[in-house]
Amino acid sequence: MTSTFELFKNQLDDALALIDQTESFAGQAKSSDLTHISSSVNTVVDTQSLLARCEKVCNKHEPKKPTIRIIHHLACSGGTLISKCISAMPNVYLLSEVHPYTDLAMGKDKPKYAPSDIISLTKYSGIPQQKELAQKLFKSAIDEVYQHVNKLGGTLVLRDHTHADFHTKSPIPVRCTLVELLEEDYDVRSVLTIRNPIDSYASLIKNDWVHFEPQTFDEYCRRFLCLIEQFKPEQIFKYEDFVEGSEVVMANIAAYLRFNYCDSYKDTFAIFSVTGDSGRSGGEISKRVRRPLDEKLIQEIAQSNNFRRVCEMLDYQG
């Protein structure tokens, strides 16, 4: 008995033969033979339609990529608070501040004690082509964690160390490194949380985390624009909206990232520990008073063309 696959293959072979025959007829046709040409064109259209259907069937049966979830945000933009709330969702496990290549966590004067950080240890050892090795180690580790969490019925969320891509001396990537690295093997669903650049930049200065040149507010805003241009509007969530009404924002983030939402996070988020907790701590989600700005920063804000673009795009104000 002829199998379904064999029938499908025979149809595909017939379609390809029709294309070859049509191209041969078209090459031999005279300009006066309009009827013959019209018939050949119709055959091509019908054959292309068959091929399109064949391709659709093949794509339908391709293995589906597993979904991996990523949250991006810049340093000092309220991302730690939002990440804690995500961690507090049922069966959600968040890996905080992950990045395959950054050197920011390494010791400046001497190697930093990190017995379980294999990627950093390969940097200290001077292994040739270390970046390629780091990529393989990173992807393998993410795969193992994903499979482990998935087997237990949980949901894995990666918190990207976006600062390493956009606020260091390294070239700004065309796409976030984490997304580009994982999208070949995963269906990546990612969101970006943002904050008014005035507030995030002021905190960045306070923490001495300005790792880019020139160290100006306008340059900060230029890099900020490079980041938000990589995301669609439905992927972007404001910290200011979150502190005004966290339930709505968290529900929308959960819907986009496709994990179960539960409003109990408001009672439990404070007990979760994540890296990068540099801001004002507390168990309450509420709007905070802006830190005092020095005169130099006030002048930079007034003169920044890139900040004006941010305001126009995102409805922020000075």
Protein backbone atom coordinates (compact mmCIF):
# COMPACT_ATOMS: atom_id res chain seq x y z
CA MET A 1 0.00 0.00 0.00
CA THR A 2 1.30 3.40 -0.94
CA SER A 3 2.03 5.52 2.15
CA THR A 4 0.81 9.08 2.65
CA PHE A 5 4.39 10.27 2.45
CA GLU A 6 4.94 8.51 -0.87
CA LEU A 7 1.77 10.07 -2.30
CA PHE A 8 2.90 13.47 -1.12
CA LYS A 9 6.35 12.93 -2.65
CA ASN A 10 4.83 11.89 -5.98
CA GLN A 11 2.69 15.04 -6.05
CA LEU A 12 5.73 17.18 -5.35
CA ASP A 13 7.71 15.43 -8.12
CA ASP A 14 4.85 16.04 -10.55
CA ALA A 15 4.77 19.70 -9.59
CA LEU A 16 8.48 20.12 -10.23
CA ALA A 17 8.14 18.33 -13.58
CA LEU A 18 5.36 20.74 -14.56
CA ILE A 19 7.62 23.71 -13.80
CA ASP A 20 10.42 22.28 -15.93
CA GLN A 21 7.97 21.56 -18.77
CA THR A 22 6.47 25.04 -18.56
CA GLU A 23 9.87 26.72 -18.68
CA SER A 24 10.73 24.65 -21.76
CA PHE A 25 7.47 25.59 -23.49
CA ALA A 26 7.94 29.26 -22.64
CA GLY A 27 11.42 29.24 -24.20
CA GLN A 28 10.11 27.72 -27.46
CA ALA A 29 6.92 29.77 -27.78
CA LYS A 30 6.60 32.38 -30.50
CA SER A 31 5.27 35.81 -29.73
CA SER A 32 2.18 35.12 -31.86
CA ASP A 33 1.19 32.03 -29.93
CA LEU A 34 -0.68 33.94 -27.21
CA THR A 35 -2.97 31.07 -26.33
CA HIS A 36 -0.07 28.73 -25.66
CA ILE A 37 1.73 31.33 -23.52
CA SER A 38 -1.42 32.01 -21.53
CA SER A 39 -1.84 28.30 -20.87
CA SER A 40 1.80 28.02 -19.74
CA VAL A 41 1.46 30.98 -17.35
CA ASN A 42 -1.64 29.45 -15.79
CA THR A 43 0.26 26.19 -15.33
CA VAL A 44 3.06 28.05 -13.52
CA VAL A 45 0.57 29.77 -11.22
CA ASP A 46 -1.16 26.46 -10.42
CA THR A 47 2.18 24.73 -9.84
CA GLN A 48 3.45 27.52 -7.58
CA SER A 49 0.23 27.29 -5.62
CA LEU A 50 0.79 23.56 -5.15
CA LEU A 51 4.37 24.17 -4.00
CA ALA A 52 3.17 26.80 -1.53
CA ARG A 53 0.72 24.28 -0.07
CA CYS A 54 3.47 21.67 0.10
CA GLU A 55 5.73 24.09 1.99
CA LYS A 56 2.91 24.91 4.39
CA VAL A 57 2.39 21.21 5.14
CA CYS A 58 6.13 20.71 5.72
CA ASN A 59 6.34 23.71 8.06
CA LYS A 60 3.33 22.47 9.99
CA HIS A 61 5.14 19.25 10.86
CA GLU A 62 8.45 20.88 11.83
CA PRO A 63 9.37 20.43 15.49
CA LYS A 64 8.11 23.37 17.56
CA LYS A 65 10.75 25.33 19.43
CA PRO A 66 10.39 25.53 23.21
CA THR A 67 9.46 28.97 24.55
CA ILE A 68 11.97 30.87 26.65
CA ARG A 69 11.12 34.11 28.40
CA ILE A 70 13.40 37.13 28.91
CA ILE A 71 12.96 40.43 30.73
CA HIS A 72 15.27 43.31 29.79
CA HIS A 73 15.93 46.59 31.58
CA LEU A 74 18.77 48.99 32.19
CA ALA A 75 20.44 49.45 35.56
CA CYS A 76 18.68 51.69 38.09
CA SER A 77 15.39 51.59 36.18
CA GLY A 78 13.25 49.66 38.67
CA GLY A 79 13.97 46.30 37.08
CA THR A 80 14.90 44.61 40.34
CA LEU A 81 11.49 45.34 41.87
CA ILE A 82 9.66 44.03 38.80
CA SER A 83 11.92 40.97 38.69
CA LYS A 84 11.11 40.18 42.31
CA CYS A 85 7.40 40.35 41.49
CA ILE A 86 7.91 37.97 38.57
CA SER A 87 9.83 35.61 40.88
CA ALA A 88 6.83 35.63 43.22
CA MET A 89 4.50 34.23 40.56
CA PRO A 90 3.46 30.57 40.98
CA ASN A 91 6.05 28.10 39.64
CA VAL A 92 8.15 30.85 38.04
CA TYR A 93 11.93 30.71 38.48
CA LEU A 94 14.00 33.73 37.50
CA LEU A 95 17.72 33.69 36.74
CA SER A 96 18.92 37.19 37.55
CA GLU A 97 21.27 39.31 35.41
CA VAL A 98 22.52 36.73 32.92
CA HIS A 99 24.92 37.53 30.09
CA PRO A 100 27.46 35.30 28.32
CA TYR A 101 30.33 37.72 27.78
CA THR A 102 30.40 40.61 30.27
CA ASP A 103 33.53 41.27 32.33
CA LEU A 104 31.82 43.57 34.84
CA ALA A 105 31.64 40.88 37.55
CA MET A 106 35.32 39.96 37.28
CA GLY A 107 37.95 41.21 39.69
CA LYS A 108 39.79 44.30 38.48
CA ASP A 109 43.13 43.80 40.18
CA LYS A 110 43.18 40.06 40.70
CA PRO A 111 40.97 37.08 39.85
CA LYS A 112 37.74 37.00 41.82
CA TYR A 113 36.86 33.90 43.79
CA ALA A 114 34.15 32.21 41.71
CA PRO A 115 34.52 28.40 41.91
CA SER A 116 31.21 27.66 40.13
CA ASP A 117 31.51 30.35 37.42
CA ILE A 118 33.15 28.28 34.69
CA ILE A 119 32.97 31.05 32.07
CA SER A 120 34.90 33.50 34.28
CA LEU A 121 37.43 30.83 35.13
CA THR A 122 38.09 30.23 31.42
CA LYS A 123 38.77 33.96 31.07
CA TYR A 124 41.27 33.91 33.93
CA SER A 125 43.01 30.88 32.45
CA GLY A 126 43.71 32.57 29.12
CA ILE A 127 42.17 29.80 26.99
CA PRO A 128 42.34 30.77 23.27
CA GLN A 129 39.07 31.67 21.51
CA GLN A 130 37.45 32.08 24.90
CA LYS A 131 34.40 33.97 23.61
CA GLU A 132 33.40 31.07 21.38
CA LEU A 133 33.86 28.73 24.33
CA ALA A 134 31.81 31.04 26.58
CA GLN A 135 28.96 30.97 24.08
CA LYS A 136 28.87 27.17 24.06
CA LEU A 137 29.10 26.95 27.86
CA PHE A 138 26.38 29.56 28.32
CA LYS A 139 23.92 27.96 25.88
CA SER A 140 24.54 24.52 27.33
CA ALA A 141 23.91 25.78 30.86
CA ILE A 142 20.68 27.57 29.85
CA ASP A 143 19.49 24.41 28.10
CA GLU A 144 20.11 22.30 31.19
CA VAL A 145 18.34 24.75 33.51
CA TYR A 146 15.42 25.09 31.09
CA GLN A 147 14.95 21.32 30.82
CA HIS A 148 15.25 20.86 34.58
CA VAL A 149 12.67 23.55 35.39
CA ASN A 150 10.34 22.40 32.61
CA LYS A 151 10.49 18.80 33.84
CA LEU A 152 9.36 20.01 37.26
CA GLY A 153 6.43 21.87 35.70
CA GLY A 154 7.93 25.30 36.26
CA THR A 155 8.47 28.34 34.06
CA LEU A 156 11.96 29.77 33.52
CA VAL A 157 12.45 33.52 33.06
CA LEU A 158 15.85 35.02 32.25
CA ARG A 159 16.64 38.49 33.50
CA ASP A 160 19.02 39.91 30.92
CA HIS A 161 21.96 41.99 32.10
CA THR A 162 21.03 44.64 29.53
CA HIS A 163 23.54 47.09 31.00
CA ALA A 164 26.37 44.94 29.58
CA ASP A 165 25.05 45.42 26.04
CA PHE A 166 24.14 49.10 26.09
CA HIS A 167 26.06 50.89 28.82
CA THR A 168 29.65 49.74 28.53
CA LYS A 169 32.55 50.55 26.23
CA SER A 170 31.69 47.53 24.04
CA PRO A 171 29.93 48.28 20.72
CA ILE A 172 26.14 48.44 21.01
CA PRO A 173 24.70 45.26 19.46
CA VAL A 174 22.18 45.40 16.63
CA ARG A 175 20.13 42.99 18.70
CA CYS A 176 20.28 42.12 22.39
CA THR A 177 22.98 39.49 22.82
CA LEU A 178 20.77 37.14 24.80
CA VAL A 179 17.99 37.16 22.20
CA GLU A 180 20.38 36.66 19.29
CA LEU A 181 22.14 33.81 21.07
CA LEU A 182 19.01 31.86 22.02
CA GLU A 183 16.56 32.45 19.18
CA GLU A 184 18.02 29.68 17.02
CA ASP A 185 16.92 27.03 19.53
CA TYR A 186 14.05 28.77 21.31
CA ASP A 187 10.92 30.75 20.61
CA VAL A 188 12.05 33.87 22.48
CA ARG A 189 9.39 36.00 24.14
CA SER A 190 10.85 39.10 25.76
CA VAL A 191 9.71 42.32 27.37
CA LEU A 192 11.51 45.56 28.19
CA THR A 193 10.82 47.64 31.28
CA ILE A 194 11.91 51.28 31.24
CA ARG A 195 12.06 54.32 33.49
CA ASN A 196 12.36 58.04 32.87
CA PRO A 197 16.05 58.50 31.89
CA ILE A 198 16.40 61.40 34.32
CA ASP A 199 15.77 59.13 37.31
CA SER A 200 17.73 56.12 36.06
CA TYR A 201 20.74 58.21 35.00
CA ALA A 202 20.82 60.07 38.33
CA SER A 203 20.90 56.72 40.17
CA LEU A 204 23.55 55.41 37.77
CA ILE A 205 25.81 58.33 38.72
CA LYS A 206 25.14 57.80 42.44
CA ASN A 207 26.19 54.13 42.16
CA ASP A 208 29.23 54.97 40.00
CA TRP A 209 27.97 52.69 37.22
CA VAL A 210 28.55 54.95 34.23
CA HIS A 211 30.67 52.58 32.15
CA PHE A 212 30.36 54.27 28.74
CA GLU A 213 31.95 57.24 27.01
CA PRO A 214 31.23 60.13 26.86
CA GLN A 215 29.71 60.06 30.33
CA THR A 216 26.89 62.49 29.55
CA PHE A 217 23.14 62.43 29.92
CA ASP A 218 22.65 62.90 26.17
CA GLU A 219 24.84 59.86 25.46
CA TYR A 220 22.81 57.88 27.99
CA CYS A 221 19.63 58.83 26.13
CA ARG A 222 21.18 57.92 22.76
CA ARG A 223 21.94 54.44 24.06
CA PHE A 224 18.47 54.27 25.62
CA LEU A 225 16.97 54.96 22.19
CA CYS A 226 19.11 52.22 20.62
CA LEU A 227 17.59 49.83 23.14
CA ILE A 228 13.91 50.70 22.82
CA GLU A 229 14.10 50.65 19.02
CA GLN A 230 14.67 46.88 19.25
CA PHE A 231 11.23 46.32 20.79
CA LYS A 232 7.63 46.69 19.67
CA PRO A 233 5.31 48.95 21.71
CA GLU A 234 3.45 45.96 23.16
CA GLN A 235 6.73 44.67 24.61
CA ILE A 236 7.58 47.86 26.52
CA PHE A 237 6.34 48.56 30.05
CA LYS A 238 6.99 51.69 32.11
CA TYR A 239 8.20 51.52 35.69
CA GLU A 240 6.10 54.62 36.41
CA ASP A 241 2.95 52.76 35.33
CA PHE A 242 4.00 49.79 37.43
CA VAL A 243 4.25 51.74 40.69
CA GLU A 244 0.94 53.48 39.95
CA GLY A 245 -0.91 50.22 39.31
CA SER A 246 1.26 47.12 39.50
CA GLU A 247 -1.64 44.66 39.03
CA VAL A 248 -2.41 45.86 35.51
CA VAL A 249 1.23 45.94 34.41
CA MET A 250 2.09 42.57 35.96
CA ALA A 251 -0.97 40.95 34.38
CA ASN A 252 0.06 42.32 30.97
CA ILE A 253 3.67 41.16 31.40
CA ALA A 254 2.45 37.70 32.42
CA ALA A 255 0.13 37.57 29.41
CA TYR A 256 2.90 38.53 27.00
CA LEU A 257 5.47 36.17 28.51
CA ARG A 258 2.81 33.46 28.88
CA PHE A 259 3.09 32.49 32.52
CA ASN A 260 0.32 32.21 35.10
CA TYR A 261 -0.58 35.45 36.87
CA CYS A 262 -1.51 35.61 40.54
CA ASP A 263 -1.99 38.85 42.50
CA SER A 264 -0.51 37.32 45.67
CA TYR A 265 2.91 38.60 44.47
CA LYS A 266 2.17 41.88 46.29
CA ASP A 267 2.36 40.07 49.63
CA THR A 268 5.40 37.91 48.93
CA PHE A 269 7.75 39.67 46.47
CA ALA A 270 9.91 41.19 49.21
CA ILE A 271 11.14 37.78 50.40
CA PHE A 272 12.68 36.91 47.02
CA SER A 273 16.36 37.63 46.51
CA VAL A 274 17.78 38.74 43.17
CA THR A 275 21.07 40.33 42.20
CA GLY A 276 21.32 44.01 41.39
CA ASP A 277 19.21 45.21 44.32
CA SER A 278 20.79 48.67 44.43
CA GLY A 279 17.77 50.89 44.92
CA ARG A 280 15.67 51.87 47.88
CA SER A 281 14.46 48.68 49.55
CA GLY A 282 11.11 47.92 51.13
CA GLY A 283 8.08 45.70 50.91
CA GLU A 284 5.79 48.29 49.38
CA ILE A 285 5.21 49.08 45.70
CA SER A 286 4.77 52.81 45.54
CA LYS A 287 5.93 55.94 43.77
CA ARG A 288 9.12 57.45 45.18
CA VAL A 289 10.19 61.09 45.29
CA ARG A 290 12.81 61.97 42.67
CA ARG A 291 16.34 62.31 43.98
CA PRO A 292 17.74 65.88 44.04
CA LEU A 293 19.54 66.78 40.79
CA ASP A 294 22.72 68.83 40.69
CA GLU A 295 22.97 71.90 38.47
CA LYS A 296 25.24 70.22 35.93
CA LEU A 297 22.72 67.45 35.26
CA ILE A 298 19.84 69.94 35.07
CA GLN A 299 21.71 71.79 32.32
CA GLU A 300 22.50 68.56 30.45
CA ILE A 301 18.82 67.58 30.54
CA ALA A 302 17.77 70.94 29.11
CA GLN A 303 20.28 70.67 26.27
CA SER A 304 19.78 67.00 25.34
CA ASN A 305 18.29 66.43 21.88
CA ASN A 306 18.15 62.71 22.47
CA PHE A 307 16.11 63.20 25.64
CA ARG A 308 13.63 65.27 23.64
CA ARG A 309 13.28 62.31 21.25
CA VAL A 310 12.66 60.01 24.23
CA CYS A 311 9.95 62.33 25.52
CA GLU A 312 8.26 62.45 22.13
CA MET A 313 8.31 58.69 21.71
CA LEU A 314 7.35 57.66 25.24
CA ASP A 315 5.46 60.65 26.62
CA TYR A 316 8.05 61.38 29.31
CA GLN A 317 8.66 64.83 30.76
CA GLY A 318 11.62 66.52 32.38
